[in-house]
Amino acid sequence: MDKSSIVSTLRPLRFAVEGCGHGELHPIYSSIQKSCRARGWRGIDLLIIGGDFQACRNNHDMNWMAVPPKYRGIKDFHEYYSGKRVAPYLTIFIGGNHEASNHLQELYYGGWVAPNIYYLGAANVINVGGVRIAGMSGIWKGYDYRKPHYHMSSLGDKDIKQMYHTREIDVRKLMQLRTQVDVGLSHDWPKGVEQHGDLHWLLRVKKHFKEDVQRKLLGSNAASYVLNHLRPFYWFSAHLHVKYAAVVHHQPHSQEESNLAQCPDNADELSLDDEVENVPQAIENPDEISLEDDDTKPTTSVIKQGLNAAESLQQPAILNSTTQFLALDKCLPKRDFLQLLEIPRRPTGSQHSDSGDAQLEYDEEWLGITRVFAQDVIHKRMHDPQQADSPPDRNRQHYSSLVDAEVNWVRDNIVNKGRLVVPRNFQPVAPVYDPRSKFRDPNDRPAMHPNPQMEAFCNMLEIPNPLQ
């Protein structure tokens, strides 16, 4: 893609990126307002949160968080869920490993968790004002990678962690994309990305990373597959609680394409000296969840992706050659957790005001891919031998013609009928947090709440609901 093709007369999309959310929405939004005033902006169009969002609607949801009970706190999301507050900016997020996993599984394909706050699902591609964003949730665990998703109703205490482990079926879908995306998101760092930044600095401030770096175990294999295939202009991650910038140079298809495939003119290189906001309003937490208490230790399992590197690069419409990577910290005082940026928008994007009244739209190609794999997405009941696992990868050549056919279906039945705008169809499905209620047994987990957004999305695409 010629970089000139993404530059238009529209004002660049103004957005903020935050690392690990950990339920601190009030101070995150407050810090953005402060940063906008400092820059002379009236607002932003979009906030991206890189996981550990903790969308706890009530006390029961906290029992689905894979953290020791002493770290479980209701935080402030419930105020947005109940309608007491409304997010001042369109907010999107991916899932991490400290989540109300039951809530997020109810929205496997993505959906509104509160007015103006959208979860991208296990994997997704969406458009915001002419900027195309791909995201993947979870963290890497090789021993769970090729397993199906498990239905939450069949999980015991020891099984909760597997709910947020990245699955191959979701990565497989992202690997079918054949056109350029602008922004990529993963909670876990893409494996090996630390080699493209100031590694000596990183190992000085995070000394315990040294062994994992030396053994090539730091980060997610799955995120690395997707980064190297999609080659977006930006890639944002969180998880490791440190700000870190890197520049990834991708192998060009040819010298001619290399001359065309560059970052946007205003995509300034991200360095450790760039402006990052701290939030003095954030609550100090002496019991901060540390990596040692977390399910973050890398596994030695090495899973080879079905698509080899050469095949992944044979994409004539994915021509960008440089990705600006940035990882951010969690929301705590004196921590580098927030970055404000601008990115050019494609001329096809909708007009947006400086107040940040952005519009979220489905992605035509992604909807086609979703239809192709709809029958392969399984939420299996654990220990049920009667239910099949996810089918094996049949390689891109097999899927290519299927995707073409389904994209045509999407064009005829959704795009041409003006149905690409994501409907604002949030409605509460679980009880709202009541501070007067006593906290129940930490092992007491409620049943799934069927979400009408999932049903509406599946009906739109005429695909089965994997949660039913």
Protein backbone atom coordinates (compact mmCIF):
# COMPACT_ATOMS: atom_id res chain seq x y z
CA MET A 1 0.00 0.00 0.00
CA ASP A 2 1.37 3.42 -0.94
CA LYS A 3 1.49 5.53 2.17
CA SER A 4 -0.16 8.36 0.27
CA SER A 5 -3.28 6.24 0.00
CA ILE A 6 -3.94 6.52 3.74
CA VAL A 7 -3.36 10.26 3.96
CA SER A 8 -6.41 12.45 3.47
CA THR A 9 -7.65 15.95 4.15
CA LEU A 10 -9.38 14.69 7.30
CA ARG A 11 -7.89 15.56 10.65
CA PRO A 12 -5.74 12.65 11.89
CA LEU A 13 -7.40 10.36 14.39
CA ARG A 14 -6.44 11.42 17.88
CA PHE A 15 -6.27 8.57 20.31
CA ALA A 16 -4.83 7.53 23.64
CA VAL A 17 -3.27 4.17 24.45
CA GLU A 18 -3.19 2.84 28.00
CA GLY A 19 -1.34 -0.25 29.22
CA CYS A 20 -2.95 -2.48 31.84
CA GLY A 21 -6.24 -1.02 33.02
CA HIS A 22 -6.75 -2.96 36.27
CA GLY A 23 -10.15 -1.36 36.81
CA GLU A 24 -8.87 2.21 37.15
CA LEU A 25 -11.16 3.95 34.65
CA HIS A 26 -11.72 7.15 36.66
CA PRO A 27 -8.01 8.07 36.89
CA ILE A 28 -7.35 6.98 33.30
CA TYR A 29 -10.05 9.27 31.91
CA SER A 30 -8.94 12.08 34.24
CA SER A 31 -5.36 11.81 33.02
CA ILE A 32 -6.48 11.94 29.39
CA GLN A 33 -8.39 15.15 30.04
CA LYS A 34 -5.31 16.66 31.63
CA SER A 35 -3.12 15.60 28.71
CA CYS A 36 -5.56 17.00 26.14
CA ARG A 37 -5.58 20.38 27.89
CA ALA A 38 -1.78 20.42 27.85
CA ARG A 39 -1.78 19.74 24.10
CA GLY A 40 -4.57 22.15 23.28
CA TRP A 41 -6.86 19.32 22.14
CA ARG A 42 -10.57 19.47 22.80
CA GLY A 43 -10.57 15.72 23.29
CA ILE A 44 -9.63 12.42 21.68
CA ASP A 45 -11.50 10.21 19.27
CA LEU A 46 -10.60 6.92 20.89
CA LEU A 47 -9.05 5.29 23.95
CA ILE A 48 -7.38 1.88 23.60
CA ILE A 49 -6.74 -0.18 26.73
CA GLY A 50 -4.30 -3.07 26.34
CA GLY A 51 -5.93 -5.62 28.60
CA ASP A 52 -6.40 -6.45 32.29
CA PHE A 53 -9.49 -4.28 31.98
CA GLN A 54 -11.35 -6.04 34.81
CA ALA A 55 -14.95 -5.54 33.70
CA CYS A 56 -16.43 -6.64 37.03
CA ARG A 57 -20.16 -5.91 37.14
CA ASN A 58 -20.70 -7.25 40.65
CA ASN A 59 -19.07 -9.32 43.40
CA HIS A 60 -19.69 -12.58 41.58
CA ASP A 61 -17.65 -11.49 38.57
CA MET A 62 -14.60 -11.03 40.79
CA ASN A 63 -14.67 -14.76 41.48
CA TRP A 64 -13.81 -15.35 37.82
CA MET A 65 -10.59 -13.34 38.08
CA ALA A 66 -7.53 -15.60 38.18
CA VAL A 67 -5.87 -13.77 41.05
CA PRO A 68 -5.63 -14.53 44.77
CA PRO A 69 -8.71 -13.34 46.67
CA LYS A 70 -6.72 -10.59 48.41
CA TYR A 71 -6.19 -8.87 45.04
CA ARG A 72 -9.86 -8.95 44.04
CA GLY A 73 -11.49 -5.55 44.19
CA ILE A 74 -14.58 -4.19 42.53
CA LYS A 75 -12.77 -1.01 41.37
CA ASP A 76 -14.89 1.42 39.30
CA PHE A 77 -16.08 -0.30 36.10
CA HIS A 78 -19.43 -1.16 37.72
CA GLU A 79 -20.34 2.55 37.72
CA TYR A 80 -20.11 2.62 33.93
CA TYR A 81 -21.96 -0.67 33.62
CA SER A 82 -24.84 0.55 35.79
CA GLY A 83 -25.12 3.88 33.97
CA LYS A 84 -24.05 5.98 36.92
CA ARG A 85 -21.21 7.25 34.73
CA VAL A 86 -20.68 7.27 30.97
CA ALA A 87 -17.24 6.92 29.40
CA PRO A 88 -16.26 10.37 28.06
CA TYR A 89 -14.45 8.84 25.08
CA LEU A 90 -15.13 5.85 22.87
CA THR A 91 -13.11 3.13 24.59
CA ILE A 92 -12.04 -0.22 23.16
CA PHE A 93 -10.03 -2.93 24.88
CA ILE A 94 -8.64 -6.42 24.51
CA GLY A 95 -8.59 -9.08 27.20
CA GLY A 96 -5.57 -9.84 29.36
CA ASN A 97 -4.96 -12.36 32.12
CA HIS A 98 -6.57 -10.42 34.99
CA GLU A 99 -10.15 -10.26 33.82
CA ALA A 100 -13.70 -11.08 34.77
CA SER A 101 -13.34 -13.93 32.30
CA ASN A 102 -16.98 -14.95 32.53
CA HIS A 103 -18.10 -11.51 31.35
CA LEU A 104 -15.70 -11.49 28.41
CA GLN A 105 -16.58 -15.02 27.31
CA GLU A 106 -20.21 -13.92 27.06
CA LEU A 107 -18.99 -11.58 24.28
CA TYR A 108 -16.67 -13.92 22.41
CA TYR A 109 -17.11 -12.04 19.11
CA GLY A 110 -16.92 -8.66 20.85
CA GLY A 111 -19.50 -6.23 22.16
CA TRP A 112 -20.35 -3.37 24.48
CA VAL A 113 -19.58 -4.01 28.14
CA ALA A 114 -21.01 -0.58 29.02
CA PRO A 115 -22.21 2.44 27.04
CA ASN A 116 -19.27 3.70 24.93
CA ILE A 117 -16.92 0.88 26.09
CA TYR A 118 -16.35 -1.95 23.60
CA TYR A 119 -14.57 -5.27 24.09
CA LEU A 120 -12.92 -6.57 20.92
CA GLY A 121 -13.50 -10.22 21.76
CA ALA A 122 -11.02 -13.07 21.48
CA ALA A 123 -9.85 -11.60 18.16
CA ASN A 124 -11.26 -8.88 15.97
CA VAL A 125 -10.70 -6.22 13.33
CA ILE A 126 -12.69 -3.01 13.56
CA ASN A 127 -12.61 0.44 11.98
CA VAL A 128 -12.71 3.73 13.86
CA GLY A 129 -12.89 6.86 11.75
CA GLY A 130 -10.87 5.45 8.88
CA VAL A 131 -8.29 3.68 11.06
CA ARG A 132 -8.24 -0.11 10.91
CA ILE A 133 -7.44 -1.86 14.19
CA ALA A 134 -6.72 -5.56 14.76
CA GLY A 135 -6.66 -7.00 18.26
CA MET A 136 -6.09 -10.33 19.98
CA SER A 137 -6.86 -11.13 23.61
CA GLY A 138 -5.14 -13.30 26.17
CA ILE A 139 -1.60 -14.46 26.84
CA TRP A 140 0.55 -17.24 25.43
CA LYS A 141 0.58 -20.72 26.94
CA GLY A 142 1.80 -23.31 24.46
CA TYR A 143 0.05 -26.22 26.16
CA ASP A 144 -3.38 -24.59 25.63
CA TYR A 145 -2.75 -23.02 22.23
CA ARG A 146 -4.32 -25.74 20.08
CA LYS A 147 -7.10 -26.56 22.48
CA PRO A 148 -10.65 -25.31 21.91
CA HIS A 149 -12.23 -22.69 24.09
CA TYR A 150 -13.97 -24.26 27.04
CA HIS A 151 -17.48 -23.34 28.08
CA MET A 152 -17.32 -21.62 31.47
CA SER A 153 -20.09 -23.79 32.90
CA SER A 154 -17.74 -26.80 32.83
CA LEU A 155 -14.75 -25.20 34.54
CA GLY A 156 -13.51 -25.82 38.06
CA ASP A 157 -11.26 -23.72 40.27
CA LYS A 158 -8.07 -24.95 38.61
CA ASP A 159 -9.38 -24.33 35.09
CA ILE A 160 -10.06 -20.60 35.22
CA LYS A 161 -6.63 -19.57 33.95
CA GLN A 162 -7.06 -21.43 30.67
CA MET A 163 -9.97 -19.11 29.81
CA TYR A 164 -7.57 -16.30 28.92
CA HIS A 165 -4.91 -18.35 27.12
CA THR A 166 -4.73 -17.45 23.43
CA ARG A 167 -6.16 -20.08 21.09
CA GLU A 168 -4.85 -21.07 17.67
CA ILE A 169 -8.29 -20.87 16.07
CA ASP A 170 -8.45 -17.13 16.80
CA VAL A 171 -4.91 -16.56 15.53
CA ARG A 172 -5.72 -18.59 12.43
CA LYS A 173 -8.49 -16.15 11.60
CA LEU A 174 -6.17 -13.14 11.92
CA MET A 175 -3.64 -14.88 9.67
CA GLN A 176 -6.19 -14.94 6.83
CA LEU A 177 -6.21 -11.14 6.51
CA ARG A 178 -4.86 -9.98 3.17
CA THR A 179 -5.14 -6.20 3.42
CA GLN A 180 -3.27 -3.62 5.49
CA VAL A 181 -4.24 -2.79 9.05
CA ASP A 182 -3.03 0.36 10.79
CA VAL A 183 -2.88 -0.69 14.45
CA GLY A 184 -2.27 -4.06 16.09
CA LEU A 185 -3.02 -4.91 19.73
CA SER A 186 -1.97 -7.74 22.03
CA HIS A 187 -1.83 -7.94 25.80
CA ASP A 188 1.33 -10.05 25.84
CA TRP A 189 4.35 -8.72 23.94
CA PRO A 190 5.07 -10.33 20.57
CA LYS A 191 7.89 -12.78 21.13
CA GLY A 192 11.29 -11.33 20.27
CA VAL A 193 10.13 -7.72 19.99
CA GLU A 194 12.45 -6.72 22.84
CA GLN A 195 15.37 -7.34 20.45
CA HIS A 196 14.26 -4.35 18.34
CA GLY A 197 14.52 -1.76 21.12
CA ASP A 198 16.98 -0.73 23.81
CA LEU A 199 17.39 -4.17 25.32
CA HIS A 200 20.22 -3.11 27.63
CA TRP A 201 17.96 -0.49 29.21
CA LEU A 202 15.13 -3.01 29.59
CA LEU A 203 17.34 -5.51 31.39
CA ARG A 204 18.60 -2.79 33.72
CA VAL A 205 15.10 -1.88 34.88
CA LYS A 206 13.66 -5.41 34.68
CA LYS A 207 16.56 -7.60 35.73
CA HIS A 208 14.35 -10.67 36.14
CA PHE A 209 13.66 -10.63 32.37
CA LYS A 210 17.26 -11.62 31.61
CA GLU A 211 16.86 -15.38 31.77
CA ASP A 212 13.68 -15.39 29.68
CA VAL A 213 15.31 -13.14 27.08
CA GLN A 214 18.38 -15.36 26.88
CA ARG A 215 16.24 -18.48 26.53
CA LYS A 216 14.00 -16.71 23.97
CA LEU A 217 10.94 -17.26 26.14
CA LEU A 218 9.80 -13.68 26.67
CA GLY A 219 6.52 -12.84 24.98
CA SER A 220 3.87 -14.53 22.89
CA ASN A 221 4.55 -16.74 19.88
CA ALA A 222 1.00 -16.08 18.68
CA ALA A 223 1.36 -12.29 18.83
CA SER A 224 4.64 -12.58 16.93
CA TYR A 225 2.93 -14.58 14.16
CA VAL A 226 0.25 -11.93 13.80
CA LEU A 227 2.63 -8.95 14.01
CA ASN A 228 4.89 -10.37 11.31
CA HIS A 229 1.93 -11.16 9.08
CA LEU A 230 -0.12 -7.96 9.47
CA ARG A 231 2.82 -5.55 9.76
CA PRO A 232 0.74 -2.62 11.05
CA PHE A 233 2.12 0.89 11.41
CA TYR A 234 1.70 0.63 15.20
CA TRP A 235 1.57 -2.29 17.61
CA PHE A 236 0.65 -1.77 21.27
CA SER A 237 1.02 -4.18 24.18
CA ALA A 238 0.92 -4.15 27.97
CA HIS A 239 1.26 -7.04 30.47
CA LEU A 240 4.88 -6.68 31.63
CA HIS A 241 4.35 -3.39 33.50
CA VAL A 242 7.05 -1.32 31.82
CA LYS A 243 7.13 1.23 29.05
CA TYR A 244 9.23 -0.02 26.14
CA ALA A 245 9.54 1.17 22.57
CA ALA A 246 10.93 -0.70 19.58
CA VAL A 247 11.02 -0.42 15.80
CA VAL A 248 10.43 -3.63 13.86
CA HIS A 249 11.67 -3.64 10.26
CA HIS A 250 9.90 -6.25 8.17
CA GLN A 251 11.36 -8.10 5.23
CA PRO A 252 10.13 -6.32 2.08
CA HIS A 253 8.46 -8.25 -0.73
CA SER A 254 10.71 -6.50 -3.21
CA GLN A 255 12.78 -3.34 -3.41
CA GLU A 256 9.99 -1.62 -5.36
CA GLU A 257 7.41 -2.43 -2.73
CA SER A 258 9.85 -1.45 -0.01
CA ASN A 259 10.03 2.07 -1.42
CA LEU A 260 6.26 2.37 -1.19
CA ALA A 261 5.59 0.70 2.13
CA GLN A 262 6.55 3.18 4.79
CA CYS A 263 4.97 4.47 7.97
CA PRO A 264 2.68 7.50 7.75
CA ASP A 265 4.45 10.86 7.60
CA ASN A 266 3.42 11.80 11.14
CA ALA A 267 4.10 8.40 12.67
CA ASP A 268 6.96 9.72 14.77
CA GLU A 269 9.28 7.06 16.08
CA LEU A 270 8.30 6.12 19.60
CA SER A 271 11.16 6.29 22.06
CA LEU A 272 11.51 6.04 25.80
CA ASP A 273 11.81 9.82 25.93
CA ASP A 274 8.40 10.48 24.32
CA GLU A 275 5.71 12.21 26.35
CA VAL A 276 3.87 9.83 28.63
CA GLU A 277 1.35 10.82 31.21
CA ASN A 278 1.38 9.79 34.86
CA VAL A 279 -1.76 10.05 36.94
CA PRO A 280 -1.46 11.48 40.44
CA GLN A 281 -5.11 10.67 41.12
CA ALA A 282 -4.51 6.93 40.87
CA ILE A 283 -4.91 5.05 44.11
CA GLU A 284 -1.73 3.62 45.56
CA ASN A 285 -2.05 -0.12 45.92
CA PRO A 286 0.45 -1.70 48.32
CA ASP A 287 -0.83 -5.10 47.21
CA GLU A 288 -0.07 -4.53 43.54
CA ILE A 289 -0.28 -7.77 41.60
CA SER A 290 3.28 -8.69 40.78
CA LEU A 291 4.48 -10.83 37.92
CA GLU A 292 5.56 -13.42 40.45
CA ASP A 293 1.93 -13.81 41.60
CA ASP A 294 0.74 -13.97 38.04
CA ASP A 295 0.34 -16.67 35.42
CA THR A 296 3.04 -15.08 33.30
CA LYS A 297 5.95 -17.45 33.51
CA PRO A 298 6.68 -18.61 29.97
CA THR A 299 6.26 -22.20 28.96
CA THR A 300 8.91 -24.09 27.09
CA SER A 301 6.33 -25.42 24.65
CA VAL A 302 7.11 -24.31 21.13
CA ILE A 303 4.19 -24.54 18.72
CA LYS A 304 4.93 -24.07 15.04
CA GLN A 305 2.27 -22.06 13.29
CA GLY A 306 0.71 -23.87 10.34
CA LEU A 307 1.77 -21.02 8.04
CA ASN A 308 5.48 -20.72 7.49
CA ALA A 309 7.22 -17.35 7.35
CA ALA A 310 7.55 -17.35 3.58
CA GLU A 311 3.87 -18.01 3.04
CA SER A 312 2.93 -15.32 5.54
CA LEU A 313 4.82 -12.69 3.53
CA GLN A 314 3.14 -13.46 0.22
CA GLN A 315 0.49 -10.78 0.72
CA PRO A 316 0.47 -8.18 -2.08
CA ALA A 317 -1.87 -5.83 -0.20
CA ILE A 318 0.14 -5.81 3.05
CA LEU A 319 3.08 -3.59 2.14
CA ASN A 320 4.09 -1.71 5.27
CA SER A 321 7.73 -2.32 6.15
CA THR A 322 8.11 -0.74 9.59
CA THR A 323 6.08 -1.23 12.77
CA GLN A 324 6.40 1.13 15.73
CA PHE A 325 5.99 -1.00 18.87
CA LEU A 326 5.10 0.45 22.25
CA ALA A 327 4.37 -1.32 25.51
CA LEU A 328 2.96 0.64 28.44
CA ASP A 329 2.73 0.18 32.20
CA LYS A 330 -0.28 -0.13 34.49
CA CYS A 331 -2.22 2.80 35.92
CA LEU A 332 -0.38 3.78 39.09
CA PRO A 333 1.30 7.03 40.22
CA LYS A 334 4.66 7.77 38.66
CA ARG A 335 4.24 4.96 36.14
CA ASP A 336 4.40 5.38 32.36
CA PHE A 337 1.01 4.02 31.40
CA LEU A 338 -0.50 6.47 28.88
CA GLN A 339 0.43 7.78 25.43
CA LEU A 340 -1.44 10.26 23.21
CA LEU A 341 -0.95 9.88 19.45
CA GLU A 342 -2.30 10.86 16.05
CA ILE A 343 -2.58 8.68 12.97
CA PRO A 344 -3.80 9.55 9.45
CA ARG A 345 -7.22 8.26 8.52
CA ARG A 346 -8.27 6.57 5.32
CA PRO A 347 -10.54 8.72 3.13
CA THR A 348 -13.33 6.17 3.53
CA GLY A 349 -13.58 6.94 7.25
CA SER A 350 -16.54 8.83 8.66
CA GLN A 351 -16.18 12.46 9.65
CA HIS A 352 -15.59 13.04 13.35
CA SER A 353 -15.55 16.14 15.51
CA ASP A 354 -12.77 17.36 17.78
CA SER A 355 -14.92 16.34 20.75
CA GLY A 356 -14.13 12.72 19.93
CA ASP A 357 -17.54 11.64 18.62
CA ALA A 358 -16.08 8.65 16.80
CA GLN A 359 -18.05 5.85 15.18
CA LEU A 360 -17.20 2.18 15.49
CA GLU A 361 -17.64 0.08 12.35
CA TYR A 362 -17.32 -3.61 11.52
CA ASP A 363 -14.62 -4.63 9.06
CA GLU A 364 -15.78 -6.13 5.77
CA GLU A 365 -12.89 -8.57 5.35
CA TRP A 366 -13.03 -9.67 9.00
CA LEU A 367 -16.76 -10.38 8.81
CA GLY A 368 -16.09 -12.61 5.81
CA ILE A 369 -13.36 -14.47 7.71
CA THR A 370 -15.70 -14.82 10.68
CA ARG A 371 -18.28 -16.52 8.45
CA VAL A 372 -15.65 -18.91 7.07
CA PHE A 373 -14.63 -20.09 10.54
CA ALA A 374 -18.01 -19.92 12.26
CA GLN A 375 -18.46 -23.69 12.24
CA ASP A 376 -14.93 -24.24 13.57
CA VAL A 377 -15.31 -22.06 16.66
CA ILE A 378 -16.13 -24.38 19.53
CA HIS A 379 -16.77 -23.68 23.19
CA LYS A 380 -16.37 -27.21 24.40
CA ARG A 381 -17.41 -28.52 27.78
CA MET A 382 -14.24 -29.65 29.50
CA HIS A 383 -13.82 -33.40 30.01
CA ASP A 384 -16.66 -34.14 27.57
CA PRO A 385 -15.31 -36.75 25.11
CA GLN A 386 -18.43 -36.43 22.96
CA GLN A 387 -17.48 -32.93 21.83
CA ALA A 388 -14.86 -32.47 19.13
CA ASP A 389 -11.85 -30.18 19.32
CA SER A 390 -11.20 -27.35 16.87
CA PRO A 391 -10.40 -28.71 13.39
CA PRO A 392 -6.79 -28.46 12.18
CA ASP A 393 -5.49 -25.63 10.05
CA ARG A 394 -5.91 -26.39 6.34
CA ASN A 395 -3.50 -23.63 5.21
CA ARG A 396 -4.19 -20.30 3.58
CA GLN A 397 -4.61 -21.63 0.06
CA HIS A 398 -7.57 -23.70 1.21
CA TYR A 399 -9.21 -20.75 2.98
CA SER A 400 -8.50 -18.11 0.33
CA SER A 401 -11.39 -18.87 -2.01
CA LEU A 402 -13.73 -19.39 0.94
CA VAL A 403 -12.86 -15.95 2.29
CA ASP A 404 -13.42 -14.38 -1.14
CA ALA A 405 -16.88 -15.90 -1.35
CA GLU A 406 -17.84 -14.82 2.15
CA VAL A 407 -16.53 -11.28 1.67
CA ASN A 408 -18.82 -11.05 -1.35
CA TRP A 409 -21.68 -12.24 0.84
CA VAL A 410 -20.82 -9.56 3.41
CA ARG A 411 -20.69 -6.92 0.70
CA ASP A 412 -24.13 -7.88 -0.62
CA ASN A 413 -25.88 -8.43 2.70
CA ILE A 414 -24.20 -5.97 5.08
CA VAL A 415 -22.08 -3.33 3.35
CA ASN A 416 -24.53 -2.51 0.56
CA LYS A 417 -27.38 -2.40 3.07
CA GLY A 418 -25.60 0.12 5.30
CA ARG A 419 -25.13 -2.26 8.23
CA LEU A 420 -21.41 -1.81 8.93
CA VAL A 421 -21.87 0.59 11.85
CA VAL A 422 -21.69 -1.30 15.15
CA PRO A 423 -25.11 -0.81 16.78
CA ARG A 424 -25.23 0.84 20.20
CA ASN A 425 -27.19 -2.06 21.63
CA PHE A 426 -25.75 -2.42 25.12
CA GLN A 427 -28.08 -3.59 27.83
CA PRO A 428 -27.23 -4.94 31.30
CA VAL A 429 -27.61 -8.70 31.56
CA ALA A 430 -26.06 -9.33 34.99
CA PRO A 431 -26.97 -7.81 38.37
CA VAL A 432 -25.49 -4.41 39.13
CA TYR A 433 -23.02 -4.15 42.00
CA ASP A 434 -24.67 -3.50 45.35
CA PRO A 435 -22.20 -2.26 48.00
CA ARG A 436 -24.59 -3.38 50.73
CA SER A 437 -24.38 -7.01 49.68
CA LYS A 438 -21.87 -9.16 51.51
CA PHE A 439 -19.13 -10.84 49.53
CA ARG A 440 -20.00 -14.46 49.07
CA ASP A 441 -17.81 -17.54 48.94
CA PRO A 442 -14.83 -16.69 46.66
CA ASN A 443 -15.38 -20.01 44.89
CA ASP A 444 -19.06 -19.30 44.19
CA ARG A 445 -19.35 -18.53 40.47
CA PRO A 446 -22.63 -17.69 38.76
CA ALA A 447 -23.83 -19.20 35.51
CA MET A 448 -23.30 -17.45 32.20
CA HIS A 449 -25.62 -14.59 31.31
CA PRO A 450 -26.62 -14.94 27.64
CA ASN A 451 -25.93 -11.65 25.93
CA PRO A 452 -28.34 -10.43 23.23
CA GLN A 453 -25.45 -8.65 21.49
CA MET A 454 -23.91 -12.03 20.64
CA GLU A 455 -27.22 -13.28 19.33
CA ALA A 456 -27.72 -10.13 17.22
CA PHE A 457 -24.22 -10.36 15.75
CA CYS A 458 -24.61 -14.03 14.87
CA ASN A 459 -28.02 -13.40 13.35
CA MET A 460 -26.58 -10.58 11.24
CA LEU A 461 -23.91 -12.90 9.84
CA GLU A 462 -26.29 -15.89 9.76
CA ILE A 463 -23.86 -18.03 11.76
CA PRO A 464 -24.41 -20.20 14.84
CA ASN A 465 -23.86 -18.73 18.30
CA PRO A 466 -20.90 -20.74 19.71
CA LEU A 467 -22.09 -20.18 23.28
CA GLN A 468 -25.42 -21.89 22.82
